[in-house]
Amino acid sequence: MGTLVNYSTEKGVALVALHDPPVNAYTYEMLKELDSAILEARFDNDVHVIVLTGHGEKYFCAGANINMLRESDSVFKYYFCLHANETLTRLEHTPKLVIAAINGHCVGGGLEVALAADIRVARNAPIQLGLPEINLGVLPGTGGTQRLSRLIGKSRAIEMMATGDSIDIEQAVALGLVNRTLEGDTHDAFMRNVVSYAHGFCPPHKASLAVGRMKRAVQSGMEMSLEQGLALERELQAELFASADAREGIVAFTQKRKPAFRAR
C-alpha cells in the first residue's frame, strides 16, 4: 500500500498497520495512505473484516505528529483535522466489521483512531490509553470528544479528557472502551489471536453481509431519531432477505444443520 501504512489480506481479513516507528504518530501523508487502505478493503469482495493495528511492540499510535503540527500554519491544521475526520468517518461508513487491535500504547489521536472501529481488542499487556490533549492546550480534535462520549457517557468522557489521565487495559474494559483482551507475548502472537478472532466473523462461520449491515444500522442509526433508525433497519433487512446467505440460513435452520455462508 505504502511506506506509512502496511496492507495485506489473510482469508477474508484485511490487515492494516500504521507504520512509523517508534510511536506510529500520524501525518497527513499517513492518513492519505490509511484512506487508500480503507478504500482498498471496501472494494475487495473477498475482504469481510478490517483489522487496524500499529507496527511494533510498544505503540498502537501516539496520535498526530507533534513536529508536523508545530511547523504547520492554522490553515493546514484545519484541513488536516478535516481530512482526519473524513478518513475515520469512511471507516465507520464501510459496511464491513472493523476491529482495532490495540497492540501497544494508544493515546491522543491514536485512541481517536481506535474509537472509530466497531470493536476494540487489546493485548493483555501494560498498555496505556488516554486523551492527553489538554496538556497541549487543545481538545481531542479527531472525533474524540464525540465518539468517546457516545461510547462511555458524557460525564466520564469529560473527566477523562479534562484530566488528560491515562487508564490501563483493565480500566478500559470496565468502562466499555475495550471489548476484550487477547493474549500474545509478542505483537505477532497477539495478531495471530486477533486474526483468529476476526475469522469468526467471516464466511462460512458468519454471514458477513449481515454483520456489515448490522454495523451500518448501528453506526448511522445512533445518529437518527428512532423512527428514522427503524426505517434504515427495514431497508437493510430487505436487502439481506434477498441474499443467498439469508436463504441458506433459513433452510439450514429448518434442516437443523449448521449454515455455510458465502457472503452472497
C-alpha atoms as a PDB file:
ATOM      1  CA  MET A   1       0.000   0.000   0.000  1.00  0.00           C
ATOM      2  CA  GLY A   2       2.686   2.477   1.015  1.00  0.00           C
ATOM      3  CA  THR A   3       5.559   3.181   3.378  1.00  0.00           C
ATOM      4  CA  LEU A   4       3.485   4.507   6.295  1.00  0.00           C
ATOM      5  CA  VAL A   5       0.596   2.033   6.211  1.00  0.00           C
ATOM      6  CA  ASN A   6       1.142  -1.674   5.596  1.00  0.00           C
ATOM      7  CA  TYR A   7      -1.712  -3.549   3.919  1.00  0.00           C
ATOM      8  CA  SER A   8      -2.217  -7.273   3.447  1.00  0.00           C
ATOM      9  CA  THR A   9      -5.066  -9.781   3.408  1.00  0.00           C
ATOM     10  CA  GLU A  10      -5.469 -13.173   5.030  1.00  0.00           C
ATOM     11  CA  LYS A  11      -8.501 -15.360   4.252  1.00  0.00           C
ATOM     12  CA  GLY A  12     -11.121 -12.641   4.266  1.00  0.00           C
ATOM     13  CA  VAL A  13      -9.379 -10.321   6.737  1.00  0.00           C
ATOM     14  CA  ALA A  14      -7.637  -7.103   5.663  1.00  0.00           C
ATOM     15  CA  LEU A  15      -4.718  -6.231   7.930  1.00  0.00           C
ATOM     16  CA  VAL A  16      -3.945  -2.515   8.082  1.00  0.00           C
ATOM     17  CA  ALA A  17      -0.924  -1.461  10.161  1.00  0.00           C
ATOM     18  CA  LEU A  18       0.180   2.096  10.943  1.00  0.00           C
ATOM     19  CA  HIS A  19       3.946   2.027  10.391  1.00  0.00           C
ATOM     20  CA  ASP A  20       6.092   4.942  11.516  1.00  0.00           C
ATOM     21  CA  PRO A  21       8.393   3.802  14.351  1.00  0.00           C
ATOM     22  CA  PRO A  22       8.837   4.317  17.170  1.00  0.00           C
ATOM     23  CA  VAL A  23       5.328   5.583  18.080  1.00  0.00           C
ATOM     24  CA  ASN A  24       3.405   5.397  14.752  1.00  0.00           C
ATOM     25  CA  ALA A  25       2.357   9.044  15.012  1.00  0.00           C
ATOM     26  CA  TYR A  26       0.296  10.076  12.036  1.00  0.00           C
ATOM     27  CA  THR A  27       0.853  12.807   9.486  1.00  0.00           C
ATOM     28  CA  TYR A  28      -1.263  13.953   6.547  1.00  0.00           C
ATOM     29  CA  GLU A  29       0.765  11.547   4.389  1.00  0.00           C
ATOM     30  CA  MET A  30      -0.022   8.588   6.675  1.00  0.00           C
ATOM     31  CA  LEU A  31      -3.726   9.448   6.734  1.00  0.00           C
ATOM     32  CA  LYS A  32      -3.800   9.554   2.934  1.00  0.00           C
ATOM     33  CA  GLU A  33      -2.364   6.032   2.898  1.00  0.00           C
ATOM     34  CA  LEU A  34      -4.863   4.930   5.565  1.00  0.00           C
ATOM     35  CA  ASP A  35      -7.674   6.392   3.459  1.00  0.00           C
ATOM     36  CA  SER A  36      -6.437   4.378   0.449  1.00  0.00           C
ATOM     37  CA  ALA A  37      -6.228   1.199   2.527  1.00  0.00           C
ATOM     38  CA  ILE A  38      -9.813   1.633   3.736  1.00  0.00           C
ATOM     39  CA  LEU A  39     -10.997   2.024   0.134  1.00  0.00           C
ATOM     40  CA  GLU A  40      -8.933  -0.983  -0.964  1.00  0.00           C
ATOM     41  CA  ALA A  41     -10.610  -3.150   1.679  1.00  0.00           C
ATOM     42  CA  ARG A  42     -14.040  -1.688   0.957  1.00  0.00           C
ATOM     43  CA  PHE A  43     -13.928  -2.571  -2.757  1.00  0.00           C
ATOM     44  CA  ASP A  44     -12.415  -6.047  -2.265  1.00  0.00           C
ATOM     45  CA  ASN A  45     -15.322  -8.514  -2.273  1.00  0.00           C
ATOM     46  CA  ASP A  46     -13.077 -11.129  -0.657  1.00  0.00           C
ATOM     47  CA  VAL A  47     -12.472  -8.920   2.408  1.00  0.00           C
ATOM     48  CA  HIS A  48     -15.089  -9.263   5.145  1.00  0.00           C
ATOM     49  CA  VAL A  49     -13.333  -7.813   8.223  1.00  0.00           C
ATOM     50  CA  ILE A  50     -10.801  -4.978   8.542  1.00  0.00           C
ATOM     51  CA  VAL A  51      -8.223  -5.218  11.352  1.00  0.00           C
ATOM     52  CA  LEU A  52      -6.386  -1.994  12.195  1.00  0.00           C
ATOM     53  CA  THR A  53      -3.227  -2.137  14.305  1.00  0.00           C
ATOM     54  CA  GLY A  54       0.105  -0.451  14.906  1.00  0.00           C
ATOM     55  CA  HIS A  55       3.606  -1.587  13.984  1.00  0.00           C
ATOM     56  CA  GLY A  56       5.896  -2.977  16.651  1.00  0.00           C
ATOM     57  CA  GLU A  57       5.666  -3.976  20.283  1.00  0.00           C
ATOM     58  CA  LYS A  58       5.130  -0.705  22.151  1.00  0.00           C
ATOM     59  CA  TYR A  59       2.678   1.601  20.359  1.00  0.00           C
ATOM     60  CA  PHE A  60      -0.611   1.287  18.521  1.00  0.00           C
ATOM     61  CA  CYS A  61      -0.413   5.004  17.777  1.00  0.00           C
ATOM     62  CA  ALA A  62       0.606   8.066  19.782  1.00  0.00           C
ATOM     63  CA  GLY A  63      -1.621  10.394  17.762  1.00  0.00           C
ATOM     64  CA  ALA A  64      -0.766  13.244  15.444  1.00  0.00           C
ATOM     65  CA  ASN A  65       2.886  14.006  14.770  1.00  0.00           C
ATOM     66  CA  ILE A  66       3.651  16.956  17.053  1.00  0.00           C
ATOM     67  CA  ASN A  67       6.562  18.210  14.923  1.00  0.00           C
ATOM     68  CA  MET A  68       4.226  18.398  11.921  1.00  0.00           C
ATOM     69  CA  LEU A  69       1.697  20.399  13.944  1.00  0.00           C
ATOM     70  CA  ARG A  70       4.368  22.731  15.342  1.00  0.00           C
ATOM     71  CA  GLU A  71       5.679  23.568  11.883  1.00  0.00           C
ATOM     72  CA  SER A  72       2.314  23.982  10.129  1.00  0.00           C
ATOM     73  CA  ASP A  73       0.064  27.034   9.933  1.00  0.00           C
ATOM     74  CA  SER A  74      -3.539  27.282  11.119  1.00  0.00           C
ATOM     75  CA  VAL A  75      -4.987  26.691   7.636  1.00  0.00           C
ATOM     76  CA  PHE A  76      -3.057  23.420   7.262  1.00  0.00           C
ATOM     77  CA  LYS A  77      -4.078  22.322  10.778  1.00  0.00           C
ATOM     78  CA  TYR A  78      -7.752  22.901   9.938  1.00  0.00           C
ATOM     79  CA  TYR A  79      -7.646  20.882   6.720  1.00  0.00           C
ATOM     80  CA  PHE A  80      -5.536  18.198   8.412  1.00  0.00           C
ATOM     81  CA  CYS A  81      -8.253  17.753  11.057  1.00  0.00           C
ATOM     82  CA  LEU A  82     -10.971  17.812   8.394  1.00  0.00           C
ATOM     83  CA  HIS A  83      -9.253  15.087   6.366  1.00  0.00           C
ATOM     84  CA  ALA A  84      -8.634  13.009   9.511  1.00  0.00           C
ATOM     85  CA  ASN A  85     -12.341  13.224  10.328  1.00  0.00           C
ATOM     86  CA  GLU A  86     -13.296  12.250   6.776  1.00  0.00           C
ATOM     87  CA  THR A  87     -10.931   9.262   6.836  1.00  0.00           C
ATOM     88  CA  LEU A  88     -12.283   7.900  10.133  1.00  0.00           C
ATOM     89  CA  THR A  89     -15.867   8.516   9.015  1.00  0.00           C
ATOM     90  CA  ARG A  90     -15.116   6.493   5.872  1.00  0.00           C
ATOM     91  CA  LEU A  91     -14.015   3.664   8.170  1.00  0.00           C
ATOM     92  CA  GLU A  92     -17.313   3.879  10.080  1.00  0.00           C
ATOM     93  CA  HIS A  93     -19.385   4.019   6.900  1.00  0.00           C
ATOM     94  CA  THR A  94     -17.782   0.949   5.316  1.00  0.00           C
ATOM     95  CA  PRO A  95     -20.274  -1.933   5.714  1.00  0.00           C
ATOM     96  CA  LYS A  96     -17.598  -4.337   6.933  1.00  0.00           C
ATOM     97  CA  LEU A  97     -16.673  -5.025  10.538  1.00  0.00           C
ATOM     98  CA  VAL A  98     -13.649  -3.008  11.740  1.00  0.00           C
ATOM     99  CA  ILE A  99     -11.588  -4.315  14.651  1.00  0.00           C
ATOM    100  CA  ALA A 100      -8.924  -2.137  16.284  1.00  0.00           C
ATOM    101  CA  ALA A 101      -6.161  -4.451  17.519  1.00  0.00           C
ATOM    102  CA  ILE A 102      -4.508  -2.374  20.242  1.00  0.00           C
ATOM    103  CA  ASN A 103      -1.018  -3.848  20.403  1.00  0.00           C
ATOM    104  CA  GLY A 104       0.563  -1.084  22.492  1.00  0.00           C
ATOM    105  CA  HIS A 105       0.023   2.357  23.970  1.00  0.00           C
ATOM    106  CA  CYS A 106      -2.968   4.054  22.387  1.00  0.00           C
ATOM    107  CA  VAL A 107      -3.116   7.743  23.244  1.00  0.00           C
ATOM    108  CA  GLY A 108      -4.315  11.028  21.810  1.00  0.00           C
ATOM    109  CA  GLY A 109      -5.213  10.730  18.149  1.00  0.00           C
ATOM    110  CA  GLY A 110      -4.267   7.051  18.336  1.00  0.00           C
ATOM    111  CA  LEU A 111      -7.176   6.411  20.679  1.00  0.00           C
ATOM    112  CA  GLU A 112      -9.373   8.526  18.409  1.00  0.00           C
ATOM    113  CA  VAL A 113      -8.483   6.211  15.506  1.00  0.00           C
ATOM    114  CA  ALA A 114      -9.356   3.168  17.645  1.00  0.00           C
ATOM    115  CA  LEU A 115     -12.657   4.782  18.669  1.00  0.00           C
ATOM    116  CA  ALA A 116     -13.735   4.799  15.001  1.00  0.00           C
ATOM    117  CA  ALA A 117     -13.527   0.988  14.917  1.00  0.00           C
ATOM    118  CA  ASP A 118     -16.578  -1.159  15.687  1.00  0.00           C
ATOM    119  CA  ILE A 119     -14.794  -3.421  18.166  1.00  0.00           C
ATOM    120  CA  ARG A 120     -11.608  -2.782  20.152  1.00  0.00           C
ATOM    121  CA  VAL A 121      -9.462  -5.682  21.346  1.00  0.00           C
ATOM    122  CA  ALA A 122      -6.250  -5.132  23.274  1.00  0.00           C
ATOM    123  CA  ARG A 123      -3.133  -7.113  24.003  1.00  0.00           C
ATOM    124  CA  ASN A 124      -3.085  -8.322  27.601  1.00  0.00           C
ATOM    125  CA  ALA A 125      -0.096  -6.161  28.498  1.00  0.00           C
ATOM    126  CA  PRO A 126       0.763  -2.960  30.449  1.00  0.00           C
ATOM    127  CA  ILE A 127      -0.794  -0.655  27.857  1.00  0.00           C
ATOM    128  CA  GLN A 128      -1.966   2.897  28.489  1.00  0.00           C
ATOM    129  CA  LEU A 129      -4.963   4.552  26.800  1.00  0.00           C
ATOM    130  CA  GLY A 130      -5.885   8.210  27.102  1.00  0.00           C
ATOM    131  CA  LEU A 131      -6.614  11.582  25.545  1.00  0.00           C
ATOM    132  CA  PRO A 132      -3.924  13.946  26.920  1.00  0.00           C
ATOM    133  CA  GLU A 133      -4.585  16.835  24.501  1.00  0.00           C
ATOM    134  CA  ILE A 134      -5.492  19.127  27.429  1.00  0.00           C
ATOM    135  CA  ASN A 135      -1.758  19.181  28.259  1.00  0.00           C
ATOM    136  CA  LEU A 136      -1.131  20.809  24.866  1.00  0.00           C
ATOM    137  CA  GLY A 137      -3.884  23.357  25.424  1.00  0.00           C
ATOM    138  CA  VAL A 138      -6.199  21.812  22.820  1.00  0.00           C
ATOM    139  CA  LEU A 139      -9.051  19.300  22.689  1.00  0.00           C
ATOM    140  CA  PRO A 140      -9.128  15.829  21.090  1.00  0.00           C
ATOM    141  CA  GLY A 141      -9.856  17.048  17.570  1.00  0.00           C
ATOM    142  CA  THR A 142     -10.143  13.846  15.556  1.00  0.00           C
ATOM    143  CA  GLY A 143     -13.540  12.791  16.834  1.00  0.00           C
ATOM    144  CA  GLY A 144     -12.503  12.103  20.423  1.00  0.00           C
ATOM    145  CA  THR A 145     -14.989  14.438  22.072  1.00  0.00           C
ATOM    146  CA  GLN A 146     -17.847  12.906  20.088  1.00  0.00           C
ATOM    147  CA  ARG A 147     -17.003   9.202  19.926  1.00  0.00           C
ATOM    148  CA  LEU A 148     -15.723   8.793  23.493  1.00  0.00           C
ATOM    149  CA  SER A 149     -18.824  10.429  24.978  1.00  0.00           C
ATOM    150  CA  ARG A 150     -21.099   8.245  22.846  1.00  0.00           C
ATOM    151  CA  LEU A 151     -19.200   5.159  23.979  1.00  0.00           C
ATOM    152  CA  ILE A 152     -18.720   5.669  27.739  1.00  0.00           C
ATOM    153  CA  GLY A 153     -21.113   8.539  28.542  1.00  0.00           C
ATOM    154  CA  LYS A 154     -20.732  12.308  28.790  1.00  0.00           C
ATOM    155  CA  SER A 155     -19.531  12.687  32.361  1.00  0.00           C
ATOM    156  CA  ARG A 156     -16.835  10.002  32.232  1.00  0.00           C
ATOM    157  CA  ALA A 157     -15.645  11.242  28.846  1.00  0.00           C
ATOM    158  CA  ILE A 158     -15.366  14.846  30.055  1.00  0.00           C
ATOM    159  CA  GLU A 159     -13.451  13.756  33.165  1.00  0.00           C
ATOM    160  CA  MET A 160     -11.056  11.609  31.118  1.00  0.00           C
ATOM    161  CA  MET A 161     -10.390  14.407  28.633  1.00  0.00           C
ATOM    162  CA  ALA A 162     -10.233  17.270  31.170  1.00  0.00           C
ATOM    163  CA  THR A 163      -7.730  15.452  33.406  1.00  0.00           C
ATOM    164  CA  GLY A 164      -5.729  14.061  30.498  1.00  0.00           C
ATOM    165  CA  ASP A 165      -5.105  10.973  32.632  1.00  0.00           C
ATOM    166  CA  SER A 166      -4.352   7.627  31.048  1.00  0.00           C
ATOM    167  CA  ILE A 167      -6.001   4.358  32.041  1.00  0.00           C
ATOM    168  CA  ASP A 168      -4.829   0.776  31.822  1.00  0.00           C
ATOM    169  CA  ILE A 169      -6.443  -2.073  29.905  1.00  0.00           C
ATOM    170  CA  GLU A 170      -8.364  -3.385  32.927  1.00  0.00           C
ATOM    171  CA  GLN A 171      -9.946   0.035  33.464  1.00  0.00           C
ATOM    172  CA  ALA A 172     -10.645   0.363  29.725  1.00  0.00           C
ATOM    173  CA  VAL A 173     -12.510  -2.958  29.690  1.00  0.00           C
ATOM    174  CA  ALA A 174     -14.522  -1.943  32.770  1.00  0.00           C
ATOM    175  CA  LEU A 175     -15.529   1.316  31.048  1.00  0.00           C
ATOM    176  CA  GLY A 176     -16.532  -0.475  27.855  1.00  0.00           C
ATOM    177  CA  LEU A 177     -13.782   1.333  25.974  1.00  0.00           C
ATOM    178  CA  VAL A 178     -12.148  -2.005  25.103  1.00  0.00           C
ATOM    179  CA  ASN A 179     -14.322  -5.030  24.309  1.00  0.00           C
ATOM    180  CA  ARG A 180     -11.875  -7.744  25.305  1.00  0.00           C
ATOM    181  CA  THR A 181      -8.231  -8.625  25.804  1.00  0.00           C
ATOM    182  CA  LEU A 182      -6.329 -11.265  23.854  1.00  0.00           C
ATOM    183  CA  GLU A 183      -3.089 -12.958  24.796  1.00  0.00           C
ATOM    184  CA  GLY A 184       0.217 -12.572  23.000  1.00  0.00           C
ATOM    185  CA  ASP A 185       3.760 -12.299  24.379  1.00  0.00           C
ATOM    186  CA  THR A 186       4.786 -10.623  21.127  1.00  0.00           C
ATOM    187  CA  HIS A 187       2.992  -8.489  18.579  1.00  0.00           C
ATOM    188  CA  ASP A 188       2.993 -11.377  16.100  1.00  0.00           C
ATOM    189  CA  ALA A 189       1.474 -13.771  18.649  1.00  0.00           C
ATOM    190  CA  PHE A 190      -1.174 -11.207  19.570  1.00  0.00           C
ATOM    191  CA  MET A 191      -2.036 -10.623  15.917  1.00  0.00           C
ATOM    192  CA  ARG A 192      -2.428 -14.348  15.285  1.00  0.00           C
ATOM    193  CA  ASN A 193      -5.062 -14.395  18.014  1.00  0.00           C
ATOM    194  CA  VAL A 194      -6.702 -11.247  16.619  1.00  0.00           C
ATOM    195  CA  VAL A 195      -6.906 -12.710  13.112  1.00  0.00           C
ATOM    196  CA  SER A 196      -8.355 -15.929  14.521  1.00  0.00           C
ATOM    197  CA  TYR A 197     -10.974 -13.832  16.336  1.00  0.00           C
ATOM    198  CA  ALA A 198     -11.664 -11.842  13.150  1.00  0.00           C
ATOM    199  CA  HIS A 199     -12.127 -15.034  11.114  1.00  0.00           C
ATOM    200  CA  GLY A 200     -15.058 -15.850  13.386  1.00  0.00           C
ATOM    201  CA  PHE A 201     -16.981 -13.035  11.667  1.00  0.00           C
ATOM    202  CA  CYS A 202     -16.164 -14.288   8.159  1.00  0.00           C
ATOM    203  CA  PRO A 203     -17.858 -16.909   5.957  1.00  0.00           C
ATOM    204  CA  PRO A 204     -18.612 -19.721   6.377  1.00  0.00           C
ATOM    205  CA  HIS A 205     -18.970 -19.068  10.138  1.00  0.00           C
ATOM    206  CA  LYS A 206     -20.954 -15.842   9.925  1.00  0.00           C
ATOM    207  CA  ALA A 207     -22.998 -14.096   7.254  1.00  0.00           C
ATOM    208  CA  SER A 208     -20.617 -11.182   6.775  1.00  0.00           C
ATOM    209  CA  LEU A 209     -23.168  -9.270   4.672  1.00  0.00           C
ATOM    210  CA  ALA A 210     -25.445  -9.277   7.711  1.00  0.00           C
ATOM    211  CA  VAL A 211     -22.584  -8.340  10.056  1.00  0.00           C
ATOM    212  CA  GLY A 212     -21.691  -5.374   7.855  1.00  0.00           C
ATOM    213  CA  ARG A 213     -25.269  -4.153   7.650  1.00  0.00           C
ATOM    214  CA  MET A 214     -25.786  -4.541  11.382  1.00  0.00           C
ATOM    215  CA  LYS A 215     -22.772  -2.266  11.740  1.00  0.00           C
ATOM    216  CA  ARG A 216     -24.266   0.264   9.328  1.00  0.00           C
ATOM    217  CA  ALA A 217     -27.642   0.171  11.098  1.00  0.00           C
ATOM    218  CA  VAL A 218     -25.975   0.977  14.422  1.00  0.00           C
ATOM    219  CA  GLN A 219     -23.369   3.489  13.233  1.00  0.00           C
ATOM    220  CA  SER A 220     -25.898   5.582  11.276  1.00  0.00           C
ATOM    221  CA  GLY A 221     -28.976   4.725  13.324  1.00  0.00           C
ATOM    222  CA  MET A 222     -27.461   6.032  16.557  1.00  0.00           C
ATOM    223  CA  GLU A 223     -27.368   9.495  14.985  1.00  0.00           C
ATOM    224  CA  MET A 224     -31.019   9.358  13.843  1.00  0.00           C
ATOM    225  CA  SER A 225     -34.372   9.510  15.534  1.00  0.00           C
ATOM    226  CA  LEU A 226     -35.829   6.128  16.464  1.00  0.00           C
ATOM    227  CA  GLU A 227     -38.295   6.336  13.577  1.00  0.00           C
ATOM    228  CA  GLN A 228     -35.534   7.066  11.063  1.00  0.00           C
ATOM    229  CA  GLY A 229     -33.337   4.342  12.527  1.00  0.00           C
ATOM    230  CA  LEU A 230     -36.125   1.786  12.234  1.00  0.00           C
ATOM    231  CA  ALA A 231     -36.668   2.815   8.602  1.00  0.00           C
ATOM    232  CA  LEU A 232     -32.953   2.287   7.897  1.00  0.00           C
ATOM    233  CA  GLU A 233     -33.115  -1.087   9.651  1.00  0.00           C
ATOM    234  CA  ARG A 234     -36.040  -2.187   7.461  1.00  0.00           C
ATOM    235  CA  GLU A 235     -34.236  -1.221   4.253  1.00  0.00           C
ATOM    236  CA  LEU A 236     -31.082  -3.072   5.261  1.00  0.00           C
ATOM    237  CA  GLN A 237     -33.154  -6.089   6.317  1.00  0.00           C
ATOM    238  CA  ALA A 238     -34.938  -6.135   2.949  1.00  0.00           C
ATOM    239  CA  GLU A 239     -31.533  -6.147   1.246  1.00  0.00           C
ATOM    240  CA  LEU A 240     -30.425  -9.095   3.389  1.00  0.00           C
ATOM    241  CA  PHE A 241     -33.640 -11.090   2.833  1.00  0.00           C
ATOM    242  CA  ALA A 242     -32.812 -11.009  -0.892  1.00  0.00           C
ATOM    243  CA  SER A 243     -29.369 -12.556  -0.290  1.00  0.00           C
ATOM    244  CA  ALA A 244     -28.310 -16.150  -0.807  1.00  0.00           C
ATOM    245  CA  ASP A 245     -26.944 -16.180   2.751  1.00  0.00           C
ATOM    246  CA  ALA A 246     -30.386 -15.434   4.208  1.00  0.00           C
ATOM    247  CA  ARG A 247     -31.885 -18.262   2.170  1.00  0.00           C
ATOM    248  CA  GLU A 248     -29.120 -20.576   3.339  1.00  0.00           C
ATOM    249  CA  GLY A 249     -29.578 -19.523   6.967  1.00  0.00           C
ATOM    250  CA  ILE A 250     -33.326 -20.148   6.925  1.00  0.00           C
ATOM    251  CA  VAL A 251     -33.026 -23.502   5.128  1.00  0.00           C
ATOM    252  CA  ALA A 252     -30.223 -24.644   7.434  1.00  0.00           C
ATOM    253  CA  PHE A 253     -32.340 -23.766  10.470  1.00  0.00           C
ATOM    254  CA  THR A 254     -35.292 -25.802   9.219  1.00  0.00           C
ATOM    255  CA  GLN A 255     -32.970 -28.698   8.357  1.00  0.00           C
ATOM    256  CA  LYS A 256     -31.338 -28.484  11.798  1.00  0.00           C
ATOM    257  CA  ARG A 257     -27.830 -28.112  10.381  1.00  0.00           C
ATOM    258  CA  LYS A 258     -25.089 -25.504  10.610  1.00  0.00           C
ATOM    259  CA  PRO A 259     -25.346 -22.900   7.832  1.00  0.00           C
ATOM    260  CA  ALA A 260     -22.466 -22.397   5.387  1.00  0.00           C
ATOM    261  CA  PHE A 261     -22.430 -18.723   4.475  1.00  0.00           C
ATOM    262  CA  ARG A 262     -20.736 -17.406   1.323  1.00  0.00           C
ATOM    263  CA  ALA A 263     -21.161 -13.616   1.566  1.00  0.00           C
ATOM    264  CA  ARG A 264     -23.539 -13.687  -1.402  1.00  0.00           C
END
